[in-house]
N, C-alpha and C. Protein backbone atom coordinates (compact mmCIF):
# COMPACT_ATOMS: atom_id res chain seq x y z
N MET A 1 1.06 -1.16 0.09
CA MET A 1 0.16 0.13 -0.21
C MET A 1 0.89 1.41 0.06
N TYR A 2 1.93 1.38 0.73
CA TYR A 2 2.98 2.36 0.65
C TYR A 2 4.25 1.93 0.42
N ASP A 3 5.00 2.81 -0.49
CA ASP A 3 5.92 2.74 -0.95
C ASP A 3 7.14 3.57 -0.15
N VAL A 4 6.75 4.70 0.54
CA VAL A 4 7.65 5.48 1.01
C VAL A 4 6.98 5.76 2.32
N ILE A 5 8.12 5.61 3.58
CA ILE A 5 7.41 5.80 4.85
C ILE A 5 8.30 6.82 5.62
N LEU A 6 7.49 7.88 5.86
CA LEU A 6 8.33 9.02 6.62
C LEU A 6 8.18 8.79 8.14
N PHE A 7 9.30 8.71 8.83
CA PHE A 7 9.37 8.67 10.47
C PHE A 7 9.54 9.92 11.34
N ASP A 8 8.71 10.20 12.37
CA ASP A 8 9.33 11.04 13.31
C ASP A 8 10.39 10.66 13.95
N LEU A 9 10.99 11.26 14.60
CA LEU A 9 12.26 10.70 15.19
C LEU A 9 11.80 10.40 16.70
N ASP A 10 11.77 11.56 17.57
CA ASP A 10 11.60 11.83 18.80
C ASP A 10 9.94 10.87 19.41
N GLY A 11 9.87 9.73 20.09
CA GLY A 11 8.90 9.24 20.47
C GLY A 11 8.50 8.43 19.36
N THR A 12 9.13 8.02 18.27
CA THR A 12 8.70 7.10 17.24
C THR A 12 9.87 6.02 17.02
N ILE A 13 10.97 6.56 16.81
CA ILE A 13 12.41 6.05 16.46
C ILE A 13 12.97 5.55 17.91
N THR A 14 13.03 6.85 18.67
CA THR A 14 13.93 6.56 19.91
C THR A 14 13.07 7.22 20.84
N ASP A 15 13.24 6.79 22.18
CA ASP A 15 12.45 7.20 23.19
C ASP A 15 13.44 8.27 23.79
N SER A 16 13.32 9.59 23.34
CA SER A 16 14.43 10.28 23.88
C SER A 16 13.90 11.50 25.24
N GLY A 17 12.86 10.92 25.58
CA GLY A 17 12.49 11.80 26.71
C GLY A 17 13.12 12.21 27.81
N LEU A 18 14.34 11.22 28.41
CA LEU A 18 15.07 11.77 29.45
C LEU A 18 16.03 12.85 29.13
N GLY A 19 16.57 12.72 27.78
CA GLY A 19 17.68 13.61 27.35
C GLY A 19 16.74 15.03 26.86
N ILE A 20 15.42 15.35 26.47
CA ILE A 20 14.80 16.42 26.31
C ILE A 20 14.27 16.80 27.71
N THR A 21 13.74 16.45 28.57
CA THR A 21 13.34 16.70 29.81
C THR A 21 14.40 17.05 30.40
N ASN A 22 15.53 16.45 30.43
CA ASN A 22 16.90 17.14 31.16
C ASN A 22 17.41 18.44 30.81
N SER A 23 16.85 18.54 29.32
CA SER A 23 17.77 19.68 28.81
C SER A 23 16.77 21.03 28.92
N VAL A 24 15.40 20.35 29.01
CA VAL A 24 14.38 21.71 29.32
C VAL A 24 14.32 22.00 30.89
N ARG A 25 14.45 21.16 31.68
CA ARG A 25 15.08 21.64 33.11
C ARG A 25 15.94 22.33 33.17
N TYR A 26 17.13 22.12 32.66
CA TYR A 26 18.30 23.11 32.44
C TYR A 26 18.15 24.26 32.21
N ALA A 27 17.47 24.31 31.01
CA ALA A 27 17.00 25.89 30.49
C ALA A 27 16.03 26.27 31.41
N LEU A 28 15.18 25.59 32.06
CA LEU A 28 14.41 26.55 32.89
C LEU A 28 14.78 27.06 34.27
N ASN A 29 15.77 26.22 34.69
CA ASN A 29 16.76 26.62 35.78
C ASN A 29 17.45 28.06 35.64
N ARG A 30 18.01 28.26 34.53
CA ARG A 30 18.37 29.46 34.07
C ARG A 30 17.40 30.77 34.44
N TYR A 31 16.16 30.34 34.06
CA TYR A 31 15.05 31.54 34.29
C TYR A 31 14.54 31.37 35.96
N SER A 32 15.11 30.56 36.58
CA SER A 32 14.75 30.25 38.02
C SER A 32 13.33 29.65 38.32
N ILE A 33 13.15 28.86 37.09
CA ILE A 33 11.92 27.94 37.24
C ILE A 33 12.18 26.75 37.76
N GLU A 34 11.71 25.95 39.07
CA GLU A 34 12.29 24.87 39.23
C GLU A 34 10.89 24.01 38.55
N VAL A 35 11.16 22.66 38.28
CA VAL A 35 10.40 21.81 38.06
C VAL A 35 10.67 20.42 39.00
N ARG A 36 9.39 20.12 39.71
CA ARG A 36 9.44 18.73 40.48
C ARG A 36 9.58 17.56 40.26
N ASP A 37 9.30 17.32 38.87
CA ASP A 37 9.61 16.04 38.07
C ASP A 37 9.52 16.36 36.60
N ASN A 38 10.43 15.47 35.88
CA ASN A 38 10.67 15.45 34.51
C ASN A 38 9.33 15.10 33.83
N SER A 39 8.20 14.41 34.39
CA SER A 39 7.08 13.90 33.79
C SER A 39 6.36 15.41 33.38
N GLU A 40 6.36 16.29 34.10
CA GLU A 40 5.99 17.37 33.75
C GLU A 40 6.39 18.15 32.35
N LEU A 41 7.28 17.77 32.01
CA LEU A 41 8.11 18.11 31.03
C LEU A 41 7.70 17.51 29.53
N GLU A 42 6.99 16.38 29.54
CA GLU A 42 7.00 15.51 28.68
C GLU A 42 6.06 15.95 27.24
N CYS A 43 5.51 17.06 27.56
CA CYS A 43 5.23 18.05 26.63
C CYS A 43 6.23 18.54 25.50
N PHE A 44 7.07 18.62 26.13
CA PHE A 44 8.03 19.53 24.86
C PHE A 44 8.59 18.42 24.16
N ILE A 45 8.23 16.83 24.23
CA ILE A 45 8.68 15.97 23.12
C ILE A 45 8.13 15.88 22.06
N GLY A 46 8.66 16.17 20.96
CA GLY A 46 8.18 16.05 19.66
C GLY A 46 7.48 17.37 19.25
N PRO A 47 6.79 18.19 19.90
CA PRO A 47 6.40 19.81 19.25
C PRO A 47 7.78 20.54 18.92
N PRO A 48 8.05 21.66 18.36
CA PRO A 48 8.96 22.82 18.06
C PRO A 48 9.27 23.25 19.68
N LEU A 49 10.27 23.26 19.99
CA LEU A 49 10.56 23.65 21.37
C LEU A 49 10.22 25.12 21.58
N ASN A 50 10.57 26.01 20.74
CA ASN A 50 10.05 27.54 20.99
C ASN A 50 8.77 27.70 21.39
N GLU A 51 7.96 26.97 20.31
CA GLU A 51 6.68 26.98 20.78
C GLU A 51 6.03 26.45 22.14
N SER A 52 6.91 25.50 22.41
CA SER A 52 6.67 24.88 23.77
C SER A 52 6.89 25.76 24.88
N PHE A 53 8.04 26.27 24.85
CA PHE A 53 8.44 27.32 25.81
C PHE A 53 7.18 28.53 26.07
N GLU A 54 7.01 28.87 24.56
CA GLU A 54 5.61 30.09 24.88
C GLU A 54 4.46 29.50 25.26
N LYS A 55 3.91 28.27 25.21
CA LYS A 55 3.00 27.85 25.02
C LYS A 55 2.78 27.31 26.84
N PHE A 56 3.76 26.57 27.08
CA PHE A 56 3.62 25.98 28.25
C PHE A 56 3.87 27.20 29.33
N TYR A 57 4.61 27.90 29.27
CA TYR A 57 5.92 28.79 30.43
C TYR A 57 5.57 30.46 29.90
N GLY A 58 4.81 30.30 29.44
CA GLY A 58 4.44 32.06 29.00
C GLY A 58 5.39 32.95 28.38
N PHE A 59 6.51 32.32 27.69
CA PHE A 59 7.65 33.28 27.53
C PHE A 59 7.46 33.74 25.92
N THR A 60 8.14 34.93 25.92
CA THR A 60 8.10 35.56 24.77
C THR A 60 8.71 34.93 23.64
N LYS A 61 8.67 35.35 22.44
CA LYS A 61 9.32 34.87 21.41
C LYS A 61 10.73 34.83 21.59
N GLU A 62 11.43 36.16 22.02
CA GLU A 62 12.75 36.19 22.02
C GLU A 62 13.27 35.57 23.40
N GLU A 63 12.47 35.35 24.40
CA GLU A 63 12.53 34.28 25.72
C GLU A 63 12.81 32.99 25.33
N ALA A 64 12.30 32.59 24.19
CA ALA A 64 11.76 31.17 24.03
C ALA A 64 13.10 30.85 23.27
N SER A 65 13.30 31.92 22.33
CA SER A 65 14.77 31.84 21.24
C SER A 65 15.85 31.48 22.21
N ASN A 66 16.12 32.55 23.07
CA ASN A 66 17.06 32.27 24.45
C ASN A 66 16.76 31.12 25.27
N ALA A 67 15.80 30.64 25.58
CA ALA A 67 15.68 29.57 26.16
C ALA A 67 16.34 28.08 25.23
N VAL A 68 15.79 27.98 23.93
CA VAL A 68 16.41 27.09 23.14
C VAL A 68 18.02 27.13 22.93
N SER A 69 18.35 28.23 22.92
CA SER A 69 19.88 28.07 23.23
C SER A 69 20.68 27.54 24.32
N VAL A 70 19.80 28.02 25.48
CA VAL A 70 20.27 27.37 26.81
C VAL A 70 20.07 25.87 26.46
N TYR A 71 18.73 25.26 26.13
CA TYR A 71 18.55 23.93 26.25
C TYR A 71 19.81 23.49 25.76
N ARG A 72 20.21 23.65 24.60
CA ARG A 72 21.40 23.15 23.63
C ARG A 72 22.73 23.06 24.26
N GLU A 73 23.04 23.83 25.35
CA GLU A 73 24.11 23.86 25.98
C GLU A 73 24.17 22.35 26.69
N TYR A 74 23.26 22.12 27.46
CA TYR A 74 22.90 20.57 27.80
C TYR A 74 22.63 19.58 26.71
N TYR A 75 21.96 19.96 26.07
CA TYR A 75 21.66 18.67 24.75
C TYR A 75 22.58 18.35 24.13
N ARG A 76 23.54 19.45 23.79
CA ARG A 76 24.65 18.89 22.57
C ARG A 76 25.78 17.95 23.54
N LYS A 77 26.08 18.02 24.96
CA LYS A 77 27.09 17.46 25.68
C LYS A 77 26.62 15.99 26.44
N LYS A 78 25.14 16.26 26.72
CA LYS A 78 24.70 14.98 27.49
C LYS A 78 23.33 14.55 26.88
N GLY A 79 22.33 15.58 26.64
CA GLY A 79 20.91 15.37 26.48
C GLY A 79 20.45 14.10 25.14
N ILE A 80 21.60 14.48 24.12
CA ILE A 80 21.41 13.73 22.79
C ILE A 80 21.77 12.45 22.78
N TYR A 81 22.32 11.99 24.19
CA TYR A 81 22.83 10.62 24.20
C TYR A 81 21.89 9.83 25.19
N GLU A 82 21.00 10.52 25.99
CA GLU A 82 20.07 10.23 27.09
C GLU A 82 18.83 9.80 26.48
N ASN A 83 18.92 8.39 25.71
CA ASN A 83 18.35 8.03 24.51
C ASN A 83 18.30 6.52 24.30
N LEU A 84 17.13 6.03 23.88
CA LEU A 84 17.02 4.73 23.61
C LEU A 84 16.43 4.47 22.10
N VAL A 85 16.95 3.40 21.58
CA VAL A 85 15.73 2.86 20.29
C VAL A 85 14.69 1.86 20.68
N TYR A 86 13.39 2.26 20.36
CA TYR A 86 12.29 1.53 20.63
C TYR A 86 12.97 -0.17 20.11
N ASP A 87 12.44 -0.99 20.97
CA ASP A 87 12.60 -2.34 20.65
C ASP A 87 11.61 -2.34 19.36
N GLY A 88 12.30 -3.33 18.40
CA GLY A 88 11.81 -3.69 17.05
C GLY A 88 11.86 -2.95 15.98
N ILE A 89 12.25 -1.09 16.62
CA ILE A 89 12.40 -0.51 15.20
C ILE A 89 13.63 -0.82 14.11
N GLU A 90 14.72 -1.14 14.45
CA GLU A 90 15.71 -1.69 13.71
C GLU A 90 15.20 -2.85 13.00
N LYS A 91 14.41 -3.76 13.48
CA LYS A 91 13.95 -4.82 12.60
C LYS A 91 12.96 -4.09 11.67
N LEU A 92 12.25 -3.15 12.16
CA LEU A 92 11.52 -2.88 10.88
C LEU A 92 11.97 -2.05 9.63
N LEU A 93 12.96 -1.10 10.44
CA LEU A 93 13.62 -0.78 9.07
C LEU A 93 14.19 -1.56 8.13
N ARG A 94 14.60 -2.58 8.83
CA ARG A 94 15.60 -3.21 8.05
C ARG A 94 14.51 -4.24 6.79
N GLU A 95 13.39 -4.38 7.64
CA GLU A 95 12.42 -5.09 6.32
C GLU A 95 11.94 -4.31 5.40
N ILE A 96 11.86 -2.69 5.91
CA ILE A 96 11.33 -1.84 5.21
C ILE A 96 12.38 -2.12 3.71
N ARG A 97 13.81 -1.80 3.95
CA ARG A 97 14.80 -1.78 3.03
C ARG A 97 14.73 -3.02 2.38
N ASP A 98 14.50 -4.31 3.01
CA ASP A 98 14.66 -5.51 2.35
C ASP A 98 13.40 -5.65 1.46
N LYS A 99 12.37 -5.02 1.65
CA LYS A 99 11.40 -5.26 0.37
C LYS A 99 11.30 -4.21 -0.29
N GLY A 100 12.27 -3.53 -0.57
CA GLY A 100 12.62 -2.46 -1.35
C GLY A 100 11.57 -1.25 -1.19
N LYS A 101 11.08 -1.09 -0.27
CA LYS A 101 10.37 0.30 0.24
C LYS A 101 11.66 1.46 0.54
N THR A 102 10.98 2.60 0.72
CA THR A 102 11.80 3.49 1.16
C THR A 102 11.52 4.30 2.36
N ALA A 103 12.46 4.35 3.41
CA ALA A 103 12.23 5.12 4.74
C ALA A 103 12.90 6.44 4.61
N ALA A 104 12.55 7.29 5.28
CA ALA A 104 13.34 8.77 5.63
C ALA A 104 12.47 9.25 7.00
N VAL A 105 13.43 10.23 7.32
CA VAL A 105 13.23 10.80 8.30
C VAL A 105 12.65 12.54 8.52
N ALA A 106 11.37 12.71 9.47
CA ALA A 106 10.75 13.85 9.18
C ALA A 106 10.65 14.29 10.60
N THR A 107 11.73 14.85 10.92
CA THR A 107 11.50 15.92 12.60
C THR A 107 11.90 17.21 13.00
N SER A 108 11.13 17.40 13.82
CA SER A 108 11.26 19.18 14.12
C SER A 108 12.49 19.07 15.01
N LYS A 109 13.25 18.18 15.12
CA LYS A 109 14.53 18.50 15.75
C LYS A 109 15.35 18.99 14.58
N PRO A 110 16.49 19.81 15.10
CA PRO A 110 17.22 20.15 14.30
C PRO A 110 18.07 19.18 13.38
N GLU A 111 18.26 19.27 12.05
CA GLU A 111 18.58 18.04 11.22
C GLU A 111 19.92 17.49 11.60
N LEU A 112 20.87 18.57 12.23
CA LEU A 112 21.92 18.26 12.73
C LEU A 112 21.89 17.06 13.95
N PHE A 113 21.24 17.59 14.47
CA PHE A 113 21.31 16.21 15.95
C PHE A 113 20.66 15.17 15.32
N ALA A 114 19.55 15.46 14.62
CA ALA A 114 18.79 14.24 14.08
C ALA A 114 19.75 12.82 13.62
N ARG A 115 20.78 13.76 12.53
CA ARG A 115 21.79 12.65 12.10
C ARG A 115 22.89 12.26 13.04
N GLN A 116 23.09 13.05 14.00
CA GLN A 116 24.20 12.57 14.81
C GLN A 116 23.31 11.37 15.95
N ILE A 117 22.08 11.55 16.12
CA ILE A 117 21.41 10.51 16.86
C ILE A 117 21.72 9.19 15.99
N LEU A 118 21.06 9.24 14.80
CA LEU A 118 20.75 8.09 14.13
C LEU A 118 22.21 7.40 13.85
N ASP A 119 23.44 8.05 13.36
CA ASP A 119 24.77 7.65 13.31
C ASP A 119 24.88 7.03 14.81
N HIS A 120 24.61 7.80 15.81
CA HIS A 120 25.10 7.12 17.18
C HIS A 120 24.39 5.68 17.26
N PHE A 121 23.34 5.55 17.00
CA PHE A 121 22.63 4.43 16.98
C PHE A 121 22.74 3.62 15.35
N GLY A 122 23.61 3.50 14.50
CA GLY A 122 23.87 3.10 13.63
C GLY A 122 22.60 2.75 12.64
N LEU A 123 21.67 3.69 12.63
CA LEU A 123 20.64 3.61 11.88
C LEU A 123 20.34 4.27 10.85
N SER A 124 21.51 5.21 10.45
CA SER A 124 21.32 6.31 9.44
C SER A 124 21.47 5.30 7.94
N GLU A 125 21.70 4.30 7.82
CA GLU A 125 22.10 3.47 6.80
C GLU A 125 20.44 3.14 6.27
N TYR A 126 19.61 3.06 6.83
CA TYR A 126 18.42 2.47 6.69
C TYR A 126 17.08 3.79 5.94
N PHE A 127 17.79 4.69 6.05
CA PHE A 127 16.98 6.13 5.60
C PHE A 127 17.48 7.10 4.16
N ALA A 128 16.83 6.84 3.46
CA ALA A 128 17.15 7.47 2.11
C ALA A 128 17.55 9.39 2.38
N TYR A 129 16.77 9.71 3.52
CA TYR A 129 16.88 11.11 3.42
C TYR A 129 16.78 11.25 5.36
N ILE A 130 17.26 12.11 5.48
CA ILE A 130 17.15 12.53 7.20
C ILE A 130 17.12 13.98 6.95
N GLY A 131 15.46 14.49 7.46
CA GLY A 131 15.60 16.13 7.23
C GLY A 131 14.87 16.62 8.45
N GLY A 132 15.08 17.62 8.83
CA GLY A 132 14.56 18.08 10.08
C GLY A 132 14.81 19.52 10.03
N ALA A 133 14.71 20.26 11.44
CA ALA A 133 14.82 21.69 11.36
C ALA A 133 16.10 22.44 11.16
N ASN A 134 16.29 23.49 10.87
CA ASN A 134 17.54 24.36 10.70
C ASN A 134 17.90 24.87 12.26
N MET A 135 19.19 24.94 12.38
CA MET A 135 19.73 25.27 13.85
C MET A 135 19.01 26.57 13.86
N ASN A 136 18.51 27.65 13.31
CA ASN A 136 18.16 28.89 13.64
C ASN A 136 16.61 28.61 13.82
N GLU A 137 16.35 27.49 14.18
CA GLU A 137 14.93 27.30 14.52
C GLU A 137 14.03 27.81 13.36
N THR A 138 14.37 27.65 12.30
CA THR A 138 13.15 27.83 11.08
C THR A 138 13.41 26.43 10.34
N ARG A 139 11.99 26.23 9.55
CA ARG A 139 11.16 24.96 9.01
C ARG A 139 11.36 24.27 10.50
N THR A 140 10.85 24.42 11.46
CA THR A 140 10.46 23.54 12.64
C THR A 140 8.63 22.84 12.72
N ASP A 141 7.96 23.71 11.82
CA ASP A 141 6.51 23.22 11.55
C ASP A 141 6.54 21.89 10.93
N LYS A 142 6.01 20.92 11.51
CA LYS A 142 6.11 19.44 10.78
C LYS A 142 5.59 19.33 9.29
N ALA A 143 4.67 20.48 8.95
CA ALA A 143 4.20 20.66 7.63
C ALA A 143 5.30 20.89 6.73
N GLU A 144 5.82 21.78 7.06
CA GLU A 144 7.04 22.37 6.49
C GLU A 144 8.15 21.31 6.21
N VAL A 145 8.74 20.79 7.25
CA VAL A 145 9.77 19.51 7.36
C VAL A 145 9.03 18.40 6.56
N ILE A 146 7.96 18.31 6.16
CA ILE A 146 7.23 16.90 5.35
C ILE A 146 7.37 17.53 4.19
N ASP A 147 7.29 18.51 3.91
CA ASP A 147 7.20 19.17 2.53
C ASP A 147 8.56 19.12 1.87
N TYR A 148 9.64 19.61 2.68
CA TYR A 148 10.94 19.65 2.54
C TYR A 148 11.51 18.20 2.11
N VAL A 149 11.13 17.19 2.80
CA VAL A 149 11.64 15.90 2.57
C VAL A 149 11.17 15.28 1.78
N LEU A 150 9.99 15.39 0.94
CA LEU A 150 9.31 14.83 0.06
C LEU A 150 9.86 15.67 -1.39
N ASP A 151 10.31 16.76 -1.02
CA ASP A 151 11.05 17.61 -2.14
C ASP A 151 12.28 17.32 -2.27
N GLU A 152 13.11 16.72 -1.63
CA GLU A 152 14.24 15.93 -1.39
C GLU A 152 14.36 14.73 -2.29
N LEU A 153 13.25 13.93 -1.47
CA LEU A 153 12.95 12.84 -2.28
C LEU A 153 12.30 12.56 -3.65
N LYS A 154 12.12 13.64 -4.29
CA LYS A 154 11.65 13.67 -5.23
C LYS A 154 10.22 13.03 -5.68
N ILE A 155 9.27 13.09 -4.45
CA ILE A 155 8.09 12.49 -4.97
C ILE A 155 7.01 12.93 -5.29
N THR A 156 6.54 12.14 -6.34
CA THR A 156 5.27 12.95 -7.00
C THR A 156 4.05 12.42 -6.69
N ASP A 157 3.90 11.25 -6.59
CA ASP A 157 2.55 10.38 -6.13
C ASP A 157 2.81 10.08 -4.55
N LYS A 158 1.91 10.88 -4.11
CA LYS A 158 1.73 11.28 -2.45
C LYS A 158 0.89 9.88 -1.84
N SER A 159 0.30 9.34 -2.71
CA SER A 159 -0.94 8.38 -2.72
C SER A 159 0.07 7.14 -2.02
N LYS A 160 1.24 6.94 -2.28
CA LYS A 160 2.00 5.85 -1.72
C LYS A 160 2.99 6.08 -0.57
N VAL A 161 2.78 7.36 -0.04
CA VAL A 161 3.67 7.88 0.88
C VAL A 161 2.76 7.73 2.66
N VAL A 162 3.53 7.38 3.28
CA VAL A 162 2.72 7.41 4.76
C VAL A 162 3.94 8.18 5.84
N MET A 163 3.22 9.01 6.97
CA MET A 163 3.87 9.27 7.89
C MET A 163 3.69 8.67 9.35
N VAL A 164 4.48 8.45 9.70
CA VAL A 164 4.63 7.73 11.19
C VAL A 164 5.21 8.31 12.20
N GLY A 165 4.35 8.66 13.46
CA GLY A 165 4.62 9.50 14.35
C GLY A 165 3.80 9.41 15.63
N ASP A 166 4.12 10.08 16.63
CA ASP A 166 3.76 10.00 18.05
C ASP A 166 2.71 10.82 18.35
N ARG A 167 2.51 11.89 17.99
CA ARG A 167 2.20 13.33 18.12
C ARG A 167 0.98 13.75 17.26
N GLU A 168 0.24 14.97 17.52
CA GLU A 168 -0.50 15.07 16.71
C GLU A 168 0.03 16.06 15.73
N HIS A 169 1.18 16.31 16.10
CA HIS A 169 1.77 17.51 15.04
C HIS A 169 2.00 16.78 13.70
N ASP A 170 2.55 15.20 13.75
CA ASP A 170 2.96 14.26 12.82
C ASP A 170 1.77 14.21 11.94
N ILE A 171 0.55 14.12 12.54
CA ILE A 171 -0.38 13.54 11.58
C ILE A 171 -1.12 14.79 11.05
N ILE A 172 -1.17 16.12 11.56
CA ILE A 172 -1.69 17.52 11.04
C ILE A 172 -0.57 17.84 9.93
N GLY A 173 0.63 17.56 10.08
CA GLY A 173 1.57 18.16 9.12
C GLY A 173 1.37 17.01 7.99
N ALA A 174 1.37 15.70 8.26
CA ALA A 174 0.97 14.65 6.97
C ALA A 174 -0.40 15.22 6.21
N ARG A 175 -1.20 15.77 6.96
CA ARG A 175 -2.75 15.75 6.45
C ARG A 175 -2.33 16.99 5.54
N LYS A 176 -1.54 18.13 5.99
CA LYS A 176 -1.55 19.19 5.31
C LYS A 176 -0.85 18.96 4.03
N ASN A 177 0.12 17.96 4.13
CA ASN A 177 0.94 17.73 2.85
C ASN A 177 -0.14 16.85 1.91
N GLY A 178 -1.40 16.29 1.97
CA GLY A 178 -1.85 15.29 1.72
C GLY A 178 -1.64 14.00 1.55
N LEU A 179 -0.97 13.48 2.98
CA LEU A 179 -0.48 12.11 3.12
C LEU A 179 -1.42 11.50 4.20
N ASP A 180 -1.20 10.08 4.06
CA ASP A 180 -2.04 9.31 5.01
C ASP A 180 -0.95 9.06 6.29
N SER A 181 -1.21 8.75 7.44
CA SER A 181 -0.64 8.99 8.53
C SER A 181 -0.93 7.58 9.28
N ILE A 182 0.31 7.28 10.23
CA ILE A 182 0.19 6.41 11.38
C ILE A 182 0.60 6.75 12.76
N GLY A 183 -0.52 6.93 13.24
CA GLY A 183 -0.11 7.15 14.68
C GLY A 183 0.29 6.37 15.80
N VAL A 184 1.54 6.28 16.35
CA VAL A 184 1.84 5.25 17.29
C VAL A 184 1.33 5.65 18.79
N LEU A 185 1.08 4.44 19.49
CA LEU A 185 0.82 4.73 20.81
C LEU A 185 2.06 4.14 21.74
N PHE A 186 3.13 3.73 20.80
CA PHE A 186 4.13 3.60 22.25
C PHE A 186 5.31 4.94 22.30
N GLY A 187 4.67 5.85 21.81
CA GLY A 187 5.85 7.36 22.19
C GLY A 187 4.73 7.90 23.26
N TYR A 188 4.58 9.42 22.76
CA TYR A 188 4.46 10.48 23.83
C TYR A 188 2.90 10.87 23.53
N GLY A 189 2.32 10.65 22.76
CA GLY A 189 0.91 11.12 22.44
C GLY A 189 -0.15 10.00 22.66
N SER A 190 -1.24 10.34 23.19
CA SER A 190 -2.20 9.51 23.45
C SER A 190 -2.96 9.08 22.18
N ARG A 191 -4.14 8.27 22.37
CA ARG A 191 -5.00 7.76 21.27
C ARG A 191 -5.81 8.79 21.22
N GLU A 192 -6.38 9.34 21.95
CA GLU A 192 -7.46 10.59 22.20
C GLU A 192 -6.49 11.79 21.25
N GLU A 193 -5.39 12.02 21.54
CA GLU A 193 -4.61 13.00 20.55
C GLU A 193 -4.78 12.73 19.27
N LEU A 194 -4.19 11.39 18.90
CA LEU A 194 -3.92 11.12 17.75
C LEU A 194 -5.29 10.89 17.12
N GLU A 195 -6.39 10.34 17.49
CA GLU A 195 -7.52 10.44 16.62
C GLU A 195 -8.25 11.73 16.47
N ASN A 196 -8.17 12.39 17.43
CA ASN A 196 -8.70 13.78 17.37
C ASN A 196 -7.96 14.52 16.17
N ALA A 197 -6.77 14.34 15.63
CA ALA A 197 -5.74 14.87 14.67
C ALA A 197 -6.09 14.09 13.39
N ARG A 198 -7.11 13.31 13.49
CA ARG A 198 -7.41 12.49 12.46
C ARG A 198 -6.31 11.33 11.54
N ALA A 199 -5.75 10.72 12.54
CA ALA A 199 -4.69 9.98 11.91
C ALA A 199 -5.53 8.73 11.30
N THR A 200 -4.65 8.32 10.02
CA THR A 200 -5.72 7.28 9.29
C THR A 200 -5.22 6.17 9.85
N HIS A 201 -4.35 5.88 10.40
CA HIS A 201 -3.98 4.50 11.11
C HIS A 201 -3.87 4.45 12.58
N ILE A 202 -4.01 3.44 13.43
CA ILE A 202 -3.44 3.64 14.79
C ILE A 202 -2.70 2.33 14.99
N ALA A 203 -1.38 2.48 15.51
CA ALA A 203 -0.55 1.54 15.71
C ALA A 203 -0.17 1.22 17.28
N PRO A 204 -0.53 0.67 18.12
CA PRO A 204 -0.31 0.32 19.50
C PRO A 204 1.11 0.03 19.81
N THR A 205 1.87 -0.51 19.16
CA THR A 205 3.22 -1.46 18.86
C THR A 205 3.68 -1.39 17.68
N VAL A 206 5.27 -1.48 17.90
CA VAL A 206 5.88 -1.24 16.53
C VAL A 206 5.58 -2.42 15.62
N GLU A 207 4.92 -3.67 16.21
CA GLU A 207 4.44 -4.90 15.50
C GLU A 207 3.17 -4.42 14.88
N ASP A 208 2.57 -3.52 15.38
CA ASP A 208 1.01 -3.41 14.66
C ASP A 208 1.54 -1.97 13.17
N ILE A 209 2.53 -1.90 13.16
CA ILE A 209 2.92 -1.26 11.90
C ILE A 209 2.86 -1.86 10.51
N TYR A 210 3.45 -3.26 10.75
CA TYR A 210 3.76 -4.11 9.77
C TYR A 210 2.59 -4.35 8.96
N PRO A 211 1.28 -5.08 9.28
CA PRO A 211 0.24 -4.98 8.41
C PRO A 211 -0.41 -3.78 7.99
N ILE A 212 -0.10 -2.52 8.29
CA ILE A 212 -0.38 -1.31 7.73
C ILE A 212 0.72 -0.97 6.52
N ILE A 213 1.71 -1.20 6.64
CA ILE A 213 2.93 -1.18 5.35
C ILE A 213 3.03 -1.96 4.54
N PHE A 214 2.76 -3.19 4.91
CA PHE A 214 3.29 -4.25 3.86
C PHE A 214 1.89 -5.14 3.44
N GLN A 215 0.72 -4.40 3.81
CA GLN A 215 -0.32 -5.26 3.18
C GLN A 215 -0.71 -5.07 1.87
């Protein structure tokens, strides 16, 4: 049914929660904001960081931009590696490649970091393209990232493309680009969030992705 599978990174390929929340905590501490538990910061996993600082902590655009810079002080050194690949993901990627399909990454994380993470875990070889945001916090909107990746892959038939992600931003971004989507429940988004965003398919586990893309 699908020949090209686009993957979100955080909460879809890797469980990056610890590194992201530790980095956010580090940034908030610079603004004298104390957080009792990292679980309070899981809302930062997936969406563009600057938007999250504005939405959840009332930062101005300038404050949010500065907070992202502080966040990266920790993330570059430690947070990027406080990360784990979800069980079964590499096997799925290998199957996609072996069956002649194309996998690519479309993430709101800076492309530089996405490539470093996938290199670190030995997964870069499975992707025809790894696309993400610019370091200057442009091209962070998921719809823009998806459009950019489709352009890099020279995709003309969108009916054969599906976006896999764990948050509403992935589903909405796919829909804006005329793509089907698979909302996964093993990441950080709820079934309600993904269904409200109108995901084409819901996959509770990695194994549930198989019949959707290989049927």
